[in-house]
Amino acid sequence: MTLKIVADLAVCRGTACCMMESPDLCDVDEGAGKVILLVDEITDERRAEAEAAVRACPVKALALRDG
């Protein structure tokens, strides 16, 4: 099953916790102070990494959804 990682940019505060946890999936636009998702679809092999990024966000701006 493929999942999508989604970001609520209205909630994101640019803390970079997701980037520190999963640098291959997330980055932060320093100018905007918001997350940049580097990967749209999350395969089963990357699910644990994506779940870690979602958990790391202190404001819950990231979520996994069925793709």
PDB file of N, CA and C in Angstrom:
ATOM      1  N   MET A   1       0.841  -1.183   0.000  1.00  0.00           N
ATOM      2  CA  MET A   1       0.000   0.000   0.000  1.00  0.00           C
ATOM      3  C   MET A   1       0.884   1.243   0.000  1.00  0.00           C
ATOM      4  N   THR A   2       0.508   2.192  -0.814  1.00  0.00           N
ATOM      5  CA  THR A   2       1.243   3.445  -0.887  1.00  0.00           C
ATOM      6  C   THR A   2       0.533   4.506  -0.057  1.00  0.00           C
ATOM      7  N   LEU A   3       1.314   5.263   0.688  1.00  0.00           N
ATOM      8  CA  LEU A   3       0.799   6.369   1.487  1.00  0.00           C
ATOM      9  C   LEU A   3       1.318   7.676   0.930  1.00  0.00           C
ATOM     10  N   LYS A   4       0.651   8.760   1.285  1.00  0.00           N
ATOM     11  CA  LYS A   4       1.120  10.101   0.953  1.00  0.00           C
ATOM     12  C   LYS A   4       1.444  10.810   2.256  1.00  0.00           C
ATOM     13  N   ILE A   5       2.512  11.577   2.240  1.00  0.00           N
ATOM     14  CA  ILE A   5       2.806  12.439   3.370  1.00  0.00           C
ATOM     15  C   ILE A   5       2.313  13.834   2.980  1.00  0.00           C
ATOM     16  N   VAL A   6       1.566  14.445   3.866  1.00  0.00           N
ATOM     17  CA  VAL A   6       0.991  15.755   3.588  1.00  0.00           C
ATOM     18  C   VAL A   6       1.368  16.715   4.708  1.00  0.00           C
ATOM     19  N   ALA A   7       1.473  17.977   4.346  1.00  0.00           N
ATOM     20  CA  ALA A   7       1.836  19.011   5.315  1.00  0.00           C
ATOM     21  C   ALA A   7       0.769  20.091   5.334  1.00  0.00           C
ATOM     22  N   ASP A   8       0.419  20.520   6.530  1.00  0.00           N
ATOM     23  CA  ASP A   8      -0.479  21.659   6.710  1.00  0.00           C
ATOM     24  C   ASP A   8       0.414  22.882   6.923  1.00  0.00           C
ATOM     25  N   LEU A   9       0.637  23.632   5.854  1.00  0.00           N
ATOM     26  CA  LEU A   9       1.569  24.757   5.922  1.00  0.00           C
ATOM     27  C   LEU A   9       1.056  25.894   6.791  1.00  0.00           C
ATOM     28  N   ALA A  10      -0.234  25.948   7.036  1.00  0.00           N
ATOM     29  CA  ALA A  10      -0.777  26.963   7.939  1.00  0.00           C
ATOM     30  C   ALA A  10      -0.393  26.671   9.389  1.00  0.00           C
ATOM     31  N   VAL A  11      -0.130  25.404   9.678  1.00  0.00           N
ATOM     32  CA  VAL A  11       0.232  24.989  11.035  1.00  0.00           C
ATOM     33  C   VAL A  11       1.751  24.931  11.222  1.00  0.00           C
ATOM     34  N   CYS A  12       2.480  24.602  10.168  1.00  0.00           N
ATOM     35  CA  CYS A  12       3.934  24.426  10.235  1.00  0.00           C
ATOM     36  C   CYS A  12       4.620  25.674  10.780  1.00  0.00           C
ATOM     37  N   ARG A  13       5.566  25.459  11.698  1.00  0.00           N
ATOM     38  CA  ARG A  13       6.338  26.551  12.289  1.00  0.00           C
ATOM     39  C   ARG A  13       7.817  26.501  11.900  1.00  0.00           C
ATOM     40  N   GLY A  14       8.178  25.543  11.056  1.00  0.00           N
ATOM     41  CA  GLY A  14       9.554  25.465  10.571  1.00  0.00           C
ATOM     42  C   GLY A  14      10.568  25.072  11.621  1.00  0.00           C
ATOM     43  N   THR A  15      10.157  24.245  12.576  1.00  0.00           N
ATOM     44  CA  THR A  15      11.073  23.821  13.639  1.00  0.00           C
ATOM     45  C   THR A  15      12.156  22.866  13.152  1.00  0.00           C
ATOM     46  N   ALA A  16      11.959  22.268  12.001  1.00  0.00           N
ATOM     47  CA  ALA A  16      12.905  21.343  11.358  1.00  0.00           C
ATOM     48  C   ALA A  16      13.050  20.009  12.080  1.00  0.00           C
ATOM     49  N   CYS A  17      12.157  19.714  12.997  1.00  0.00           N
ATOM     50  CA  CYS A  17      12.211  18.416  13.676  1.00  0.00           C
ATOM     51  C   CYS A  17      12.016  17.271  12.685  1.00  0.00           C
ATOM     52  N   CYS A  18      11.120  17.467  11.718  1.00  0.00           N
ATOM     53  CA  CYS A  18      10.890  16.435  10.700  1.00  0.00           C
ATOM     54  C   CYS A  18      12.136  16.233   9.852  1.00  0.00           C
ATOM     55  N   MET A  19      12.799  17.315   9.522  1.00  0.00           N
ATOM     56  CA  MET A  19      14.000  17.245   8.709  1.00  0.00           C
ATOM     57  C   MET A  19      15.127  16.525   9.457  1.00  0.00           C
ATOM     58  N   MET A  20      15.258  16.802  10.736  1.00  0.00           N
ATOM     59  CA  MET A  20      16.289  16.135  11.535  1.00  0.00           C
ATOM     60  C   MET A  20      16.009  14.644  11.662  1.00  0.00           C
ATOM     61  N   GLU A  21      14.737  14.290  11.756  1.00  0.00           N
ATOM     62  CA  GLU A  21      14.345  12.885  11.892  1.00  0.00           C
ATOM     63  C   GLU A  21      14.413  12.141  10.565  1.00  0.00           C
ATOM     64  N   SER A  22      14.023  12.806   9.475  1.00  0.00           N
ATOM     65  CA  SER A  22      13.932  12.153   8.166  1.00  0.00           C
ATOM     66  C   SER A  22      14.410  13.096   7.063  1.00  0.00           C
ATOM     67  N   PRO A  23      15.719  13.321   6.975  1.00  0.00           N
ATOM     68  CA  PRO A  23      16.245  14.291   6.008  1.00  0.00           C
ATOM     69  C   PRO A  23      16.035  13.911   4.546  1.00  0.00           C
ATOM     70  N   ASP A  24      15.757  12.655   4.264  1.00  0.00           N
ATOM     71  CA  ASP A  24      15.482  12.249   2.885  1.00  0.00           C
ATOM     72  C   ASP A  24      14.035  12.521   2.477  1.00  0.00           C
ATOM     73  N   LEU A  25      13.199  12.826   3.460  1.00  0.00           N
ATOM     74  CA  LEU A  25      11.784  13.071   3.178  1.00  0.00           C
ATOM     75  C   LEU A  25      11.391  14.536   3.330  1.00  0.00           C
ATOM     76  N   CYS A  26      12.062  15.239   4.234  1.00  0.00           N
ATOM     77  CA  CYS A  26      11.651  16.605   4.566  1.00  0.00           C
ATOM     78  C   CYS A  26      12.835  17.561   4.562  1.00  0.00           C
ATOM     79  N   ASP A  27      12.550  18.792   4.185  1.00  0.00           N
ATOM     80  CA  ASP A  27      13.508  19.885   4.277  1.00  0.00           C
ATOM     81  C   ASP A  27      12.723  21.095   4.773  1.00  0.00           C
ATOM     82  N   VAL A  28      13.414  22.189   5.047  1.00  0.00           N
ATOM     83  CA  VAL A  28      12.741  23.408   5.477  1.00  0.00           C
ATOM     84  C   VAL A  28      13.178  24.552   4.579  1.00  0.00           C
ATOM     85  N   ASP A  29      12.201  25.263   4.064  1.00  0.00           N
ATOM     86  CA  ASP A  29      12.461  26.467   3.288  1.00  0.00           C
ATOM     87  C   ASP A  29      12.771  27.569   4.295  1.00  0.00           C
ATOM     88  N   GLU A  30      14.036  27.936   4.390  1.00  0.00           N
ATOM     89  CA  GLU A  30      14.447  28.900   5.401  1.00  0.00           C
ATOM     90  C   GLU A  30      13.831  30.274   5.181  1.00  0.00           C
ATOM     91  N   GLY A  31      13.568  30.632   3.937  1.00  0.00           N
ATOM     92  CA  GLY A  31      12.944  31.918   3.653  1.00  0.00           C
ATOM     93  C   GLY A  31      11.506  31.979   4.132  1.00  0.00           C
ATOM     94  N   ALA A  32      10.761  30.907   3.861  1.00  0.00           N
ATOM     95  CA  ALA A  32       9.351  30.859   4.237  1.00  0.00           C
ATOM     96  C   ALA A  32       9.148  30.311   5.643  1.00  0.00           C
ATOM     97  N   GLY A  33      10.160  29.567   6.133  1.00  0.00           N
ATOM     98  CA  GLY A  33      10.028  28.953   7.451  1.00  0.00           C
ATOM     99  C   GLY A  33       9.004  27.837   7.480  1.00  0.00           C
ATOM    100  N   LYS A  34       8.911  27.103   6.376  1.00  0.00           N
ATOM    101  CA  LYS A  34       7.925  26.021   6.251  1.00  0.00           C
ATOM    102  C   LYS A  34       8.583  24.766   5.708  1.00  0.00           C
ATOM    103  N   VAL A  35       7.968  23.630   6.009  1.00  0.00           N
ATOM    104  CA  VAL A  35       8.464  22.347   5.535  1.00  0.00           C
ATOM    105  C   VAL A  35       8.328  22.251   4.014  1.00  0.00           C
ATOM    106  N   ILE A  36       9.284  21.566   3.415  1.00  0.00           N
ATOM    107  CA  ILE A  36       9.231  21.172   2.008  1.00  0.00           C
ATOM    108  C   ILE A  36       9.265  19.650   2.000  1.00  0.00           C
ATOM    109  N   LEU A  37       8.269  19.036   1.417  1.00  0.00           N
ATOM    110  CA  LEU A  37       8.247  17.584   1.313  1.00  0.00           C
ATOM    111  C   LEU A  37       9.021  17.176   0.075  1.00  0.00           C
ATOM    112  N   LEU A  38      10.035  16.357   0.271  1.00  0.00           N
ATOM    113  CA  LEU A  38      10.903  15.931  -0.819  1.00  0.00           C
ATOM    114  C   LEU A  38      10.355  14.715  -1.553  1.00  0.00           C
ATOM    115  N   VAL A  39       9.456  14.000  -0.911  1.00  0.00           N
ATOM    116  CA  VAL A  39       8.857  12.790  -1.470  1.00  0.00           C
ATOM    117  C   VAL A  39       7.353  12.884  -1.263  1.00  0.00           C
ATOM    118  N   ASP A  40       6.597  12.627  -2.290  1.00  0.00           N
ATOM    119  CA  ASP A  40       5.142  12.691  -2.175  1.00  0.00           C
ATOM    120  C   ASP A  40       4.573  11.361  -1.706  1.00  0.00           C
ATOM    121  N   GLU A  41       4.937  10.292  -2.400  1.00  0.00           N
ATOM    122  CA  GLU A  41       4.411   8.975  -2.058  1.00  0.00           C
ATOM    123  C   GLU A  41       5.403   8.212  -1.191  1.00  0.00           C
ATOM    124  N   ILE A  42       4.876   7.563  -0.173  1.00  0.00           N
ATOM    125  CA  ILE A  42       5.680   6.795   0.768  1.00  0.00           C
ATOM    126  C   ILE A  42       5.432   5.314   0.523  1.00  0.00           C
ATOM    127  N   THR A  43       6.470   4.605   0.146  1.00  0.00           N
ATOM    128  CA  THR A  43       6.360   3.163  -0.067  1.00  0.00           C
ATOM    129  C   THR A  43       6.429   2.448   1.276  1.00  0.00           C
ATOM    130  N   ASP A  44       6.085   1.181   1.265  1.00  0.00           N
ATOM    131  CA  ASP A  44       6.149   0.387   2.496  1.00  0.00           C
ATOM    132  C   ASP A  44       7.546   0.408   3.102  1.00  0.00           C
ATOM    133  N   GLU A  45       8.565   0.433   2.242  1.00  0.00           N
ATOM    134  CA  GLU A  45       9.943   0.419   2.719  1.00  0.00           C
ATOM    135  C   GLU A  45      10.304   1.690   3.494  1.00  0.00           C
ATOM    136  N   ARG A  46       9.613   2.791   3.213  1.00  0.00           N
ATOM    137  CA  ARG A  46       9.929   4.078   3.862  1.00  0.00           C
ATOM    138  C   ARG A  46       8.883   4.483   4.899  1.00  0.00           C
ATOM    139  N   ARG A  47       7.951   3.593   5.142  1.00  0.00           N
ATOM    140  CA  ARG A  47       6.854   3.925   6.061  1.00  0.00           C
ATOM    141  C   ARG A  47       7.358   4.295   7.452  1.00  0.00           C
ATOM    142  N   ALA A  48       8.271   3.525   8.014  1.00  0.00           N
ATOM    143  CA  ALA A  48       8.764   3.808   9.363  1.00  0.00           C
ATOM    144  C   ALA A  48       9.437   5.177   9.421  1.00  0.00           C
ATOM    145  N   GLU A  49      10.193   5.519   8.381  1.00  0.00           N
ATOM    146  CA  GLU A  49      10.852   6.819   8.321  1.00  0.00           C
ATOM    147  C   GLU A  49       9.824   7.955   8.265  1.00  0.00           C
ATOM    148  N   ALA A  50       8.777   7.768   7.474  1.00  0.00           N
ATOM    149  CA  ALA A  50       7.729   8.776   7.365  1.00  0.00           C
ATOM    150  C   ALA A  50       6.956   8.915   8.672  1.00  0.00           C
ATOM    151  N   GLU A  51       6.675   7.797   9.310  1.00  0.00           N
ATOM    152  CA  GLU A  51       5.981   7.847  10.598  1.00  0.00           C
ATOM    153  C   GLU A  51       6.822   8.587  11.635  1.00  0.00           C
ATOM    154  N   ALA A  52       8.142   8.400  11.598  1.00  0.00           N
ATOM    155  CA  ALA A  52       9.033   9.101  12.523  1.00  0.00           C
ATOM    156  C   ALA A  52       8.991  10.608  12.278  1.00  0.00           C
ATOM    157  N   ALA A  53       8.958  11.023  11.018  1.00  0.00           N
ATOM    158  CA  ALA A  53       8.874  12.447  10.695  1.00  0.00           C
ATOM    159  C   ALA A  53       7.567  13.041  11.212  1.00  0.00           C
ATOM    160  N   VAL A  54       6.475  12.325  11.020  1.00  0.00           N
ATOM    161  CA  VAL A  54       5.163  12.789  11.486  1.00  0.00           C
ATOM    162  C   VAL A  54       5.172  12.925  13.011  1.00  0.00           C
ATOM    163  N   ARG A  55       5.693  11.923  13.706  1.00  0.00           N
ATOM    164  CA  ARG A  55       5.751  11.971  15.176  1.00  0.00           C
ATOM    165  C   ARG A  55       6.641  13.100  15.679  1.00  0.00           C
ATOM    166  N   ALA A  56       7.684  13.417  14.933  1.00  0.00           N
ATOM    167  CA  ALA A  56       8.655  14.425  15.378  1.00  0.00           C
ATOM    168  C   ALA A  56       8.103  15.845  15.333  1.00  0.00           C
ATOM    169  N   CYS A  57       7.075  16.085  14.556  1.00  0.00           N
ATOM    170  CA  CYS A  57       6.555  17.446  14.407  1.00  0.00           C
ATOM    171  C   CYS A  57       5.831  17.884  15.678  1.00  0.00           C
ATOM    172  N   PRO A  58       6.337  18.924  16.342  1.00  0.00           N
ATOM    173  CA  PRO A  58       5.728  19.348  17.605  1.00  0.00           C
ATOM    174  C   PRO A  58       4.369  20.022  17.453  1.00  0.00           C
ATOM    175  N   VAL A  59       4.043  20.485  16.250  1.00  0.00           N
ATOM    176  CA  VAL A  59       2.753  21.152  16.042  1.00  0.00           C
ATOM    177  C   VAL A  59       1.798  20.307  15.203  1.00  0.00           C
ATOM    178  N   LYS A  60       2.188  19.065  14.924  1.00  0.00           N
ATOM    179  CA  LYS A  60       1.344  18.116  14.173  1.00  0.00           C
ATOM    180  C   LYS A  60       0.964  18.630  12.788  1.00  0.00           C
ATOM    181  N   ALA A  61       1.940  19.215  12.103  1.00  0.00           N
ATOM    182  CA  ALA A  61       1.688  19.744  10.761  1.00  0.00           C
ATOM    183  C   ALA A  61       1.802  18.673   9.680  1.00  0.00           C
ATOM    184  N   LEU A  62       2.321  17.510  10.010  1.00  0.00           N
ATOM    185  CA  LEU A  62       2.481  16.440   9.032  1.00  0.00           C
ATOM    186  C   LEU A  62       1.508  15.304   9.327  1.00  0.00           C
ATOM    187  N   ALA A  63       1.082  14.624   8.266  1.00  0.00           N
ATOM    188  CA  ALA A  63       0.200  13.469   8.414  1.00  0.00           C
ATOM    189  C   ALA A  63       0.454  12.508   7.269  1.00  0.00           C
ATOM    190  N   LEU A  64       0.122  11.261   7.508  1.00  0.00           N
ATOM    191  CA  LEU A  64       0.141  10.231   6.464  1.00  0.00           C
ATOM    192  C   LEU A  64      -1.283   9.938   6.066  1.00  0.00           C
ATOM    193  N   ARG A  65      -1.509   9.859   4.778  1.00  0.00           N
ATOM    194  CA  ARG A  65      -2.852   9.566   4.228  1.00  0.00           C
ATOM    195  C   ARG A  65      -2.719   8.447   3.218  1.00  0.00           C
ATOM    196  N   ASP A  66      -3.797   7.700   3.049  1.00  0.00           N
ATOM    197  CA  ASP A  66      -3.825   6.668   2.009  1.00  0.00           C
ATOM    198  C   ASP A  66      -3.633   7.335   0.665  1.00  0.00           C
ATOM    199  N   GLY A  67      -2.736   6.722  -0.133  1.00  0.00           N
ATOM    200  CA  GLY A  67      -2.414   7.299  -1.447  1.00  0.00           C
ATOM    201  C   GLY A  67      -3.281   6.771  -2.513  1.00  0.00           C
TER     202      GLY A  67
END
